[in-house]
C-alpha atoms as a PDB file:
ATOM      1  CA  MET A   1     -53.897 -73.284-150.505  1.00  0.00           C
ATOM      2  CA  LYS A   2     -52.507 -70.382-152.777  1.00  0.00           C
ATOM      3  CA  PRO A   3     -51.255 -70.955-156.889  1.00  0.00           C
ATOM      4  CA  THR A   4     -47.759 -70.022-157.213  1.00  0.00           C
ATOM      5  CA  SER A   5     -47.263 -66.893-159.453  1.00  0.00           C
ATOM      6  CA  SER A   6     -46.812 -69.871-162.440  1.00  0.00           C
ATOM      7  CA  GLY A   7     -49.668 -71.621-161.460  1.00  0.00           C
ATOM      8  CA  GLU A   8     -52.190 -68.066-161.681  1.00  0.00           C
ATOM      9  CA  LEU A   9     -50.905 -67.622-164.902  1.00  0.00           C
ATOM     10  CA  LEU A  10     -51.834 -71.035-166.120  1.00  0.00           C
ATOM     11  CA  LEU A  11     -55.445 -70.365-164.061  1.00  0.00           C
ATOM     12  CA  ASP A  12     -55.794 -67.481-166.416  1.00  0.00           C
ATOM     13  CA  TYR A  13     -54.818 -68.985-169.756  1.00  0.00           C
ATOM     14  CA  ALA A  14     -57.279 -72.513-168.695  1.00  0.00           C
ATOM     15  CA  ILE A  15     -60.188 -69.645-168.034  1.00  0.00           C
ATOM     16  CA  LYS A  16     -59.947 -68.557-171.473  1.00  0.00           C
ATOM     17  CA  ILE A  17     -59.360 -71.115-173.129  1.00  0.00           C
ATOM     18  CA  LEU A  18     -62.798 -72.749-170.899  1.00  0.00           C
ATOM     19  CA  SER A  19     -64.065 -69.680-172.330  1.00  0.00           C
ATOM     20  CA  LEU A  20     -63.586 -69.871-176.200  1.00  0.00           C
ATOM     21  CA  HIS A  21     -64.318 -73.539-176.074  1.00  0.00           C
ATOM     22  CA  GLU A  22     -68.129 -72.240-174.581  1.00  0.00           C
ATOM     23  CA  GLU A  23     -68.192 -69.413-177.352  1.00  0.00           C
ATOM     24  CA  SER A  24     -67.242 -71.949-180.124  1.00  0.00           C
ATOM     25  CA  HIS A  25     -70.046 -74.544-179.096  1.00  0.00           C
ATOM     26  CA  SER A  26     -72.598 -71.580-179.064  1.00  0.00           C
ATOM     27  CA  ALA A  27     -71.540 -70.384-182.346  1.00  0.00           C
ATOM     28  CA  LEU A  28     -71.729 -73.823-184.214  1.00  0.00           C
ATOM     29  CA  LYS A  29     -74.389 -74.738-182.770  1.00  0.00           C
ATOM     30  CA  GLU A  30     -76.387 -72.119-184.694  1.00  0.00           C
ATOM     31  CA  ARG A  31     -74.955 -73.577-187.968  1.00  0.00           C
ATOM     32  CA  GLU A  32     -75.894 -76.688-189.935  1.00  0.00           C
ATOM     33  CA  ILE A  33     -72.339 -79.137-190.191  1.00  0.00           C
ATOM     34  CA  LYS A  34     -72.689 -81.560-193.130  1.00  0.00           C
ATOM     35  CA  THR A  35     -69.014 -82.407-193.917  1.00  0.00           C
ATOM     36  CA  ILE A  36     -65.918 -82.535-191.370  1.00  0.00           C
ATOM     37  CA  SER A  37     -62.120 -82.258-192.939  1.00  0.00           C
ATOM     38  CA  ILE A  38     -59.803 -84.098-190.908  1.00  0.00           C
ATOM     39  CA  GLY A  39     -56.226 -82.863-191.001  1.00  0.00           C
ATOM     40  CA  THR A  40     -53.367 -85.424-189.773  1.00  0.00           C
ATOM     41  CA  ILE A  41     -50.551 -87.444-189.854  1.00  0.00           C
ATOM     42  CA  GLU A  42     -50.150 -91.223-190.886  1.00  0.00           C
ATOM     43  CA  THR A  43     -49.156 -92.018-187.486  1.00  0.00           C
ATOM     44  CA  LEU A  44     -51.550 -90.445-185.973  1.00  0.00           C
ATOM     45  CA  ALA A  45     -54.315 -91.217-188.395  1.00  0.00           C
ATOM     46  CA  ILE A  46     -53.352 -95.123-187.781  1.00  0.00           C
ATOM     47  CA  TYR A  47     -53.414 -95.100-184.228  1.00  0.00           C
ATOM     48  CA  PHE A  48     -55.650 -92.595-182.730  1.00  0.00           C
ATOM     49  CA  LEU A  49     -58.355 -91.510-185.549  1.00  0.00           C
ATOM     50  CA  PRO A  50     -60.649 -95.070-185.601  1.00  0.00           C
ATOM     51  CA  ALA A  51     -61.060 -94.244-182.145  1.00  0.00           C
ATOM     52  CA  ILE A  52     -61.983 -90.877-181.708  1.00  0.00           C
ATOM     53  CA  LEU A  53     -64.283 -91.853-185.152  1.00  0.00           C
ATOM     54  CA  GLU A  54     -66.029 -94.043-183.078  1.00  0.00           C
ATOM     55  CA  LYS A  55     -66.548 -91.914-180.720  1.00  0.00           C
ATOM     56  CA  PHE A  56     -67.918 -89.202-182.508  1.00  0.00           C
ATOM     57  CA  LYS A  57     -70.197 -90.933-184.322  1.00  0.00           C
ATOM     58  CA  LYS A  58     -71.644 -92.380-181.097  1.00  0.00           C
ATOM     59  CA  LEU A  59     -72.110 -88.715-179.423  1.00  0.00           C
END
């Protein structure tokens, strides 16, 4: 199986995203974080934020 040219392009982006994700975790692991600020629109805050915050607390 071989990806299309568009698939190869997206794969390159996915690899970069995963690399940046790992890099951000490594950078933040060394810091002590005491507060988190979240900015969102009201609709998202009402429907999605409670579940996300609950999951965050568990982690």
